[in-house]
Amino acid sequence: MTVRKATLEDFSAIALLSGQVHQLHQKARGDIFVSADSPYTQKEYQELLSSPSTAVLLAQEGEEPVGYAVLELYSTHNRRILRQRMICSIEDFCIHRDWKRRGYGRLLFEAVLALARRSNANSLELTVWE
């Protein structure tokens, strides 16, 4: 498996994968999530890729997309009582349902962790919707 930064040409793969995650979210938390084929329009995806504070990673087995992660990097507010910190937030993380339980999630997470370290992040955060 390889993990690389996603490109504009990867939109259809990301749309498919993010659609799977969104269906799970919408089914479990219909009080929060509305029905949609994919969380990202092509324009929104392009904005993610062009933002200096966002990274989109695509995991592939050969040419087959098996997972993706969307990360946001940001600095904490400068407060008198807190040291400024760099946060890497996992906004989306998905392994295709046909590729689960084969170690791809762990490998993608290791790539996320490596990117966070290269970005000098002090913290890696994940929001879970329950």
N, C-alpha and C. Protein backbone atom coordinates (compact mmCIF):
# COMPACT_ATOMS: atom_id res chain seq x y z
N MET A 1 0.85 -1.18 0.00
CA MET A 1 0.00 0.00 0.00
C MET A 1 0.88 1.23 0.00
N THR A 2 0.45 2.25 -0.74
CA THR A 2 1.13 3.53 -0.74
C THR A 2 0.14 4.59 -0.25
N VAL A 3 0.69 5.62 0.37
CA VAL A 3 -0.10 6.78 0.80
C VAL A 3 0.57 8.00 0.22
N ARG A 4 -0.23 8.84 -0.42
CA ARG A 4 0.30 10.05 -1.04
C ARG A 4 -0.69 11.18 -0.86
N LYS A 5 -0.22 12.41 -1.10
CA LYS A 5 -1.14 13.53 -1.09
C LYS A 5 -2.08 13.41 -2.27
N ALA A 6 -3.35 13.64 -2.03
CA ALA A 6 -4.35 13.55 -3.08
C ALA A 6 -4.21 14.73 -4.04
N THR A 7 -4.69 14.53 -5.26
CA THR A 7 -4.67 15.57 -6.28
C THR A 7 -6.10 15.81 -6.78
N LEU A 8 -6.25 16.80 -7.65
CA LEU A 8 -7.56 17.07 -8.24
C LEU A 8 -8.11 15.86 -8.98
N GLU A 9 -7.22 15.08 -9.60
CA GLU A 9 -7.63 13.91 -10.36
C GLU A 9 -8.20 12.81 -9.47
N ASP A 10 -8.00 12.91 -8.18
CA ASP A 10 -8.50 11.90 -7.24
C ASP A 10 -9.90 12.19 -6.72
N PHE A 11 -10.55 13.22 -7.24
CA PHE A 11 -11.85 13.61 -6.71
C PHE A 11 -12.85 12.46 -6.68
N SER A 12 -12.97 11.70 -7.76
CA SER A 12 -13.98 10.64 -7.79
C SER A 12 -13.70 9.58 -6.73
N ALA A 13 -12.44 9.25 -6.49
CA ALA A 13 -12.09 8.27 -5.46
C ALA A 13 -12.43 8.81 -4.07
N ILE A 14 -12.09 10.06 -3.82
CA ILE A 14 -12.37 10.67 -2.52
C ILE A 14 -13.88 10.80 -2.33
N ALA A 15 -14.61 11.15 -3.39
CA ALA A 15 -16.06 11.27 -3.30
C ALA A 15 -16.70 9.93 -2.94
N LEU A 16 -16.22 8.85 -3.55
CA LEU A 16 -16.74 7.52 -3.25
C LEU A 16 -16.47 7.14 -1.79
N LEU A 17 -15.24 7.32 -1.36
CA LEU A 17 -14.86 6.96 0.01
C LEU A 17 -15.57 7.84 1.04
N SER A 18 -15.60 9.14 0.80
CA SER A 18 -16.25 10.04 1.77
C SER A 18 -17.75 9.80 1.81
N GLY A 19 -18.31 9.36 0.68
CA GLY A 19 -19.73 9.02 0.65
C GLY A 19 -20.05 7.84 1.55
N GLN A 20 -19.14 6.84 1.59
CA GLN A 20 -19.34 5.70 2.49
C GLN A 20 -19.37 6.15 3.95
N VAL A 21 -18.43 6.99 4.32
CA VAL A 21 -18.38 7.49 5.70
C VAL A 21 -19.62 8.31 6.01
N HIS A 22 -19.99 9.17 5.08
CA HIS A 22 -21.15 10.03 5.33
C HIS A 22 -22.42 9.22 5.50
N GLN A 23 -22.59 8.16 4.73
CA GLN A 23 -23.78 7.30 4.89
C GLN A 23 -23.84 6.72 6.31
N LEU A 24 -22.70 6.29 6.83
CA LEU A 24 -22.65 5.78 8.21
C LEU A 24 -23.03 6.86 9.21
N HIS A 25 -22.47 8.05 9.01
CA HIS A 25 -22.78 9.16 9.92
C HIS A 25 -24.26 9.53 9.86
N GLN A 26 -24.78 9.61 8.64
CA GLN A 26 -26.17 10.02 8.48
C GLN A 26 -27.11 8.99 9.07
N LYS A 27 -26.78 7.72 8.90
CA LYS A 27 -27.62 6.65 9.45
C LYS A 27 -27.59 6.66 10.98
N ALA A 28 -26.42 6.85 11.55
CA ALA A 28 -26.27 6.82 13.00
C ALA A 28 -26.74 8.11 13.66
N ARG A 29 -26.52 9.24 12.99
CA ARG A 29 -26.84 10.54 13.58
C ARG A 29 -27.60 11.42 12.59
N GLY A 30 -28.78 10.95 12.20
CA GLY A 30 -29.63 11.72 11.30
C GLY A 30 -30.06 13.04 11.90
N ASP A 31 -29.92 13.18 13.21
CA ASP A 31 -30.24 14.46 13.85
C ASP A 31 -29.18 15.52 13.58
N ILE A 32 -28.01 15.09 13.09
CA ILE A 32 -26.91 16.02 12.80
C ILE A 32 -26.61 16.06 11.31
N PHE A 33 -26.55 14.89 10.68
CA PHE A 33 -26.12 14.78 9.29
C PHE A 33 -27.32 14.63 8.35
N VAL A 34 -27.29 15.36 7.25
CA VAL A 34 -28.34 15.26 6.23
C VAL A 34 -27.88 14.30 5.14
N SER A 35 -28.82 13.77 4.39
CA SER A 35 -28.52 12.85 3.32
C SER A 35 -27.81 13.58 2.17
N ALA A 36 -26.75 12.96 1.68
CA ALA A 36 -25.99 13.50 0.54
C ALA A 36 -25.16 12.37 -0.05
N ASP A 37 -24.92 12.42 -1.34
CA ASP A 37 -24.10 11.40 -1.97
C ASP A 37 -22.66 11.45 -1.49
N SER A 38 -22.15 12.66 -1.33
CA SER A 38 -20.77 12.86 -0.89
C SER A 38 -20.71 14.16 -0.08
N PRO A 39 -19.90 14.19 0.94
CA PRO A 39 -19.77 15.42 1.72
C PRO A 39 -19.11 16.57 0.95
N TYR A 40 -18.39 16.24 -0.12
CA TYR A 40 -17.64 17.26 -0.85
C TYR A 40 -18.14 17.44 -2.27
N THR A 41 -18.38 18.68 -2.66
CA THR A 41 -18.55 18.98 -4.07
C THR A 41 -17.15 19.08 -4.67
N GLN A 42 -17.07 19.10 -5.98
CA GLN A 42 -15.75 19.23 -6.60
C GLN A 42 -15.09 20.55 -6.21
N LYS A 43 -15.88 21.61 -6.10
CA LYS A 43 -15.33 22.91 -5.70
C LYS A 43 -14.80 22.86 -4.26
N GLU A 44 -15.56 22.24 -3.36
CA GLU A 44 -15.11 22.13 -1.96
C GLU A 44 -13.84 21.29 -1.86
N TYR A 45 -13.78 20.23 -2.66
CA TYR A 45 -12.59 19.39 -2.68
C TYR A 45 -11.38 20.18 -3.18
N GLN A 46 -11.58 20.96 -4.22
CA GLN A 46 -10.49 21.79 -4.75
C GLN A 46 -10.02 22.79 -3.69
N GLU A 47 -10.96 23.35 -2.93
CA GLU A 47 -10.60 24.29 -1.86
C GLU A 47 -9.79 23.59 -0.77
N LEU A 48 -10.16 22.34 -0.45
CA LEU A 48 -9.38 21.58 0.53
C LEU A 48 -7.94 21.43 0.07
N LEU A 49 -7.78 21.05 -1.20
CA LEU A 49 -6.44 20.82 -1.73
C LEU A 49 -5.61 22.09 -1.79
N SER A 50 -6.24 23.22 -2.04
CA SER A 50 -5.49 24.46 -2.20
C SER A 50 -5.23 25.18 -0.88
N SER A 51 -5.88 24.76 0.19
CA SER A 51 -5.69 25.41 1.48
C SER A 51 -4.33 25.03 2.09
N PRO A 52 -3.56 26.01 2.55
CA PRO A 52 -2.27 25.69 3.17
C PRO A 52 -2.42 25.01 4.54
N SER A 53 -3.60 25.07 5.11
CA SER A 53 -3.81 24.47 6.43
C SER A 53 -4.47 23.08 6.37
N THR A 54 -4.67 22.55 5.16
CA THR A 54 -5.35 21.28 5.00
C THR A 54 -4.50 20.32 4.17
N ALA A 55 -4.54 19.04 4.54
CA ALA A 55 -3.89 18.00 3.75
C ALA A 55 -4.90 16.88 3.51
N VAL A 56 -4.90 16.35 2.30
CA VAL A 56 -5.75 15.21 1.96
C VAL A 56 -4.81 14.09 1.52
N LEU A 57 -4.87 12.97 2.23
CA LEU A 57 -4.04 11.81 1.90
C LEU A 57 -4.90 10.73 1.27
N LEU A 58 -4.36 10.06 0.27
CA LEU A 58 -5.05 8.96 -0.40
C LEU A 58 -4.20 7.70 -0.26
N ALA A 59 -4.82 6.64 0.25
CA ALA A 59 -4.15 5.34 0.37
C ALA A 59 -4.57 4.48 -0.81
N GLN A 60 -3.61 3.81 -1.41
CA GLN A 60 -3.89 2.98 -2.58
C GLN A 60 -3.19 1.63 -2.47
N GLU A 61 -3.86 0.62 -2.99
CA GLU A 61 -3.25 -0.69 -3.19
C GLU A 61 -3.11 -0.81 -4.70
N GLY A 62 -1.89 -0.66 -5.19
CA GLY A 62 -1.69 -0.52 -6.63
C GLY A 62 -2.35 0.77 -7.07
N GLU A 63 -3.27 0.68 -8.02
CA GLU A 63 -4.01 1.86 -8.48
C GLU A 63 -5.37 1.99 -7.79
N GLU A 64 -5.71 1.01 -6.96
CA GLU A 64 -7.03 0.98 -6.31
C GLU A 64 -7.04 1.85 -5.05
N PRO A 65 -7.94 2.85 -4.98
CA PRO A 65 -8.05 3.65 -3.76
C PRO A 65 -8.68 2.82 -2.64
N VAL A 66 -8.01 2.77 -1.49
CA VAL A 66 -8.53 1.97 -0.37
C VAL A 66 -8.89 2.82 0.84
N GLY A 67 -8.43 4.07 0.89
CA GLY A 67 -8.74 4.92 2.03
C GLY A 67 -8.27 6.34 1.82
N TYR A 68 -8.71 7.19 2.73
CA TYR A 68 -8.28 8.59 2.66
C TYR A 68 -8.37 9.21 4.05
N ALA A 69 -7.69 10.32 4.20
CA ALA A 69 -7.76 11.10 5.43
C ALA A 69 -7.69 12.58 5.05
N VAL A 70 -8.47 13.39 5.75
CA VAL A 70 -8.41 14.84 5.60
C VAL A 70 -7.93 15.39 6.93
N LEU A 71 -6.88 16.20 6.87
CA LEU A 71 -6.26 16.75 8.07
C LEU A 71 -6.29 18.26 8.02
N GLU A 72 -6.50 18.88 9.15
CA GLU A 72 -6.41 20.33 9.26
C GLU A 72 -5.34 20.67 10.28
N LEU A 73 -4.44 21.54 9.89
CA LEU A 73 -3.37 21.99 10.77
C LEU A 73 -3.66 23.42 11.20
N TYR A 74 -3.62 23.66 12.50
CA TYR A 74 -3.85 25.02 12.97
C TYR A 74 -3.11 25.26 14.28
N SER A 75 -2.89 26.51 14.56
CA SER A 75 -2.20 26.92 15.77
C SER A 75 -3.23 27.37 16.80
N THR A 76 -2.96 27.04 18.06
CA THR A 76 -3.85 27.49 19.12
C THR A 76 -3.74 29.00 19.27
N HIS A 77 -4.77 29.58 19.86
CA HIS A 77 -4.75 31.02 20.10
C HIS A 77 -3.66 31.36 21.10
N ASN A 78 -3.08 32.49 20.89
CA ASN A 78 -2.05 32.95 21.80
C ASN A 78 -2.71 33.53 23.05
N ARG A 79 -2.67 32.77 24.13
CA ARG A 79 -3.24 33.21 25.40
C ARG A 79 -2.13 33.34 26.43
N ARG A 80 -2.29 34.27 27.29
CA ARG A 80 -1.27 34.56 28.29
C ARG A 80 -0.90 33.35 29.14
N ILE A 81 -1.85 32.47 29.42
CA ILE A 81 -1.59 31.35 30.32
C ILE A 81 -1.24 30.04 29.60
N LEU A 82 -1.29 30.06 28.27
CA LEU A 82 -1.01 28.84 27.51
C LEU A 82 0.11 29.06 26.50
N ARG A 83 0.90 28.04 26.34
CA ARG A 83 1.90 28.08 25.28
C ARG A 83 1.20 27.82 23.94
N GLN A 84 1.68 28.49 22.93
CA GLN A 84 1.11 28.28 21.60
C GLN A 84 1.48 26.89 21.12
N ARG A 85 0.51 26.19 20.52
CA ARG A 85 0.72 24.83 20.05
C ARG A 85 0.19 24.67 18.64
N MET A 86 0.77 23.71 17.93
CA MET A 86 0.29 23.35 16.60
C MET A 86 -0.53 22.07 16.74
N ILE A 87 -1.76 22.11 16.22
CA ILE A 87 -2.68 20.99 16.31
C ILE A 87 -2.88 20.40 14.91
N CYS A 88 -2.89 19.09 14.81
CA CYS A 88 -3.28 18.40 13.59
C CYS A 88 -4.59 17.69 13.92
N SER A 89 -5.66 18.10 13.26
CA SER A 89 -6.98 17.54 13.51
C SER A 89 -7.35 16.61 12.36
N ILE A 90 -7.75 15.39 12.69
CA ILE A 90 -8.22 14.44 11.69
C ILE A 90 -9.69 14.75 11.45
N GLU A 91 -9.98 15.36 10.31
CA GLU A 91 -11.35 15.76 9.99
C GLU A 91 -12.15 14.60 9.38
N ASP A 92 -11.49 13.78 8.58
CA ASP A 92 -12.10 12.61 7.96
C ASP A 92 -11.06 11.50 7.92
N PHE A 93 -11.53 10.27 8.09
CA PHE A 93 -10.63 9.11 8.01
C PHE A 93 -11.49 7.94 7.57
N CYS A 94 -11.09 7.26 6.51
CA CYS A 94 -11.92 6.18 5.97
C CYS A 94 -11.07 5.13 5.28
N ILE A 95 -11.44 3.88 5.52
CA ILE A 95 -10.95 2.77 4.72
C ILE A 95 -12.17 2.19 4.02
N HIS A 96 -12.07 1.97 2.72
CA HIS A 96 -13.17 1.41 1.92
C HIS A 96 -13.67 0.14 2.58
N ARG A 97 -14.98 -0.03 2.61
CA ARG A 97 -15.58 -1.18 3.31
C ARG A 97 -15.05 -2.53 2.81
N ASP A 98 -14.64 -2.62 1.54
CA ASP A 98 -14.13 -3.88 1.00
C ASP A 98 -12.67 -4.15 1.40
N TRP A 99 -12.00 -3.17 1.99
CA TRP A 99 -10.59 -3.30 2.32
C TRP A 99 -10.33 -3.29 3.84
N LYS A 100 -11.38 -3.30 4.63
CA LYS A 100 -11.21 -3.25 6.09
C LYS A 100 -10.66 -4.55 6.64
N ARG A 101 -10.07 -4.44 7.84
CA ARG A 101 -9.53 -5.57 8.60
C ARG A 101 -8.31 -6.21 7.92
N ARG A 102 -7.56 -5.39 7.17
CA ARG A 102 -6.36 -5.89 6.49
C ARG A 102 -5.12 -5.07 6.84
N GLY A 103 -5.24 -4.16 7.81
CA GLY A 103 -4.09 -3.35 8.22
C GLY A 103 -3.96 -2.01 7.51
N TYR A 104 -4.88 -1.72 6.58
CA TYR A 104 -4.77 -0.46 5.83
C TYR A 104 -5.05 0.76 6.72
N GLY A 105 -5.96 0.61 7.66
CA GLY A 105 -6.24 1.72 8.58
C GLY A 105 -5.02 2.09 9.40
N ARG A 106 -4.32 1.08 9.89
CA ARG A 106 -3.11 1.33 10.68
C ARG A 106 -2.05 2.02 9.83
N LEU A 107 -1.87 1.55 8.60
CA LEU A 107 -0.87 2.16 7.72
C LEU A 107 -1.24 3.60 7.36
N LEU A 108 -2.51 3.85 7.11
CA LEU A 108 -2.94 5.22 6.82
C LEU A 108 -2.74 6.10 8.05
N PHE A 109 -3.08 5.58 9.22
CA PHE A 109 -2.88 6.36 10.45
C PHE A 109 -1.40 6.67 10.67
N GLU A 110 -0.52 5.72 10.37
CA GLU A 110 0.92 5.98 10.50
C GLU A 110 1.35 7.11 9.56
N ALA A 111 0.77 7.18 8.37
CA ALA A 111 1.08 8.27 7.44
C ALA A 111 0.55 9.60 7.98
N VAL A 112 -0.63 9.58 8.59
CA VAL A 112 -1.20 10.78 9.23
C VAL A 112 -0.26 11.25 10.33
N LEU A 113 0.18 10.33 11.18
CA LEU A 113 1.07 10.66 12.28
C LEU A 113 2.39 11.24 11.77
N ALA A 114 2.94 10.67 10.70
CA ALA A 114 4.18 11.17 10.12
C ALA A 114 4.00 12.59 9.59
N LEU A 115 2.88 12.86 8.92
CA LEU A 115 2.62 14.21 8.42
C LEU A 115 2.48 15.19 9.58
N ALA A 116 1.80 14.79 10.64
CA ALA A 116 1.66 15.65 11.82
C ALA A 116 3.02 15.98 12.41
N ARG A 117 3.88 14.99 12.51
CA ARG A 117 5.23 15.23 13.06
C ARG A 117 6.04 16.15 12.16
N ARG A 118 5.98 15.93 10.83
CA ARG A 118 6.71 16.81 9.91
C ARG A 118 6.21 18.24 9.98
N SER A 119 4.95 18.41 10.36
CA SER A 119 4.35 19.74 10.48
C SER A 119 4.56 20.35 11.86
N ASN A 120 5.34 19.66 12.69
CA ASN A 120 5.64 20.12 14.05
C ASN A 120 4.40 20.23 14.92
N ALA A 121 3.42 19.37 14.69
CA ALA A 121 2.22 19.37 15.53
C ALA A 121 2.56 18.83 16.91
N ASN A 122 2.02 19.48 17.93
CA ASN A 122 2.18 19.03 19.31
C ASN A 122 1.08 18.06 19.71
N SER A 123 -0.01 18.05 18.91
CA SER A 123 -1.18 17.26 19.27
C SER A 123 -1.85 16.77 17.99
N LEU A 124 -2.36 15.54 18.07
CA LEU A 124 -3.15 14.96 16.99
C LEU A 124 -4.53 14.70 17.57
N GLU A 125 -5.57 15.28 16.95
CA GLU A 125 -6.91 15.20 17.52
C GLU A 125 -7.89 14.61 16.52
N LEU A 126 -8.90 13.92 17.08
CA LEU A 126 -9.95 13.30 16.30
C LEU A 126 -11.26 13.53 17.00
N THR A 127 -12.25 14.06 16.29
CA THR A 127 -13.58 14.23 16.85
C THR A 127 -14.41 13.01 16.47
N VAL A 128 -15.09 12.44 17.44
CA VAL A 128 -15.94 11.28 17.21
C VAL A 128 -17.38 11.68 17.49
N TRP A 129 -18.27 11.41 16.54
CA TRP A 129 -19.69 11.72 16.69
C TRP A 129 -20.40 10.51 17.28
N GLU A 130 -20.93 10.67 18.47
CA GLU A 130 -21.69 9.58 19.10
C GLU A 130 -23.12 9.98 19.28
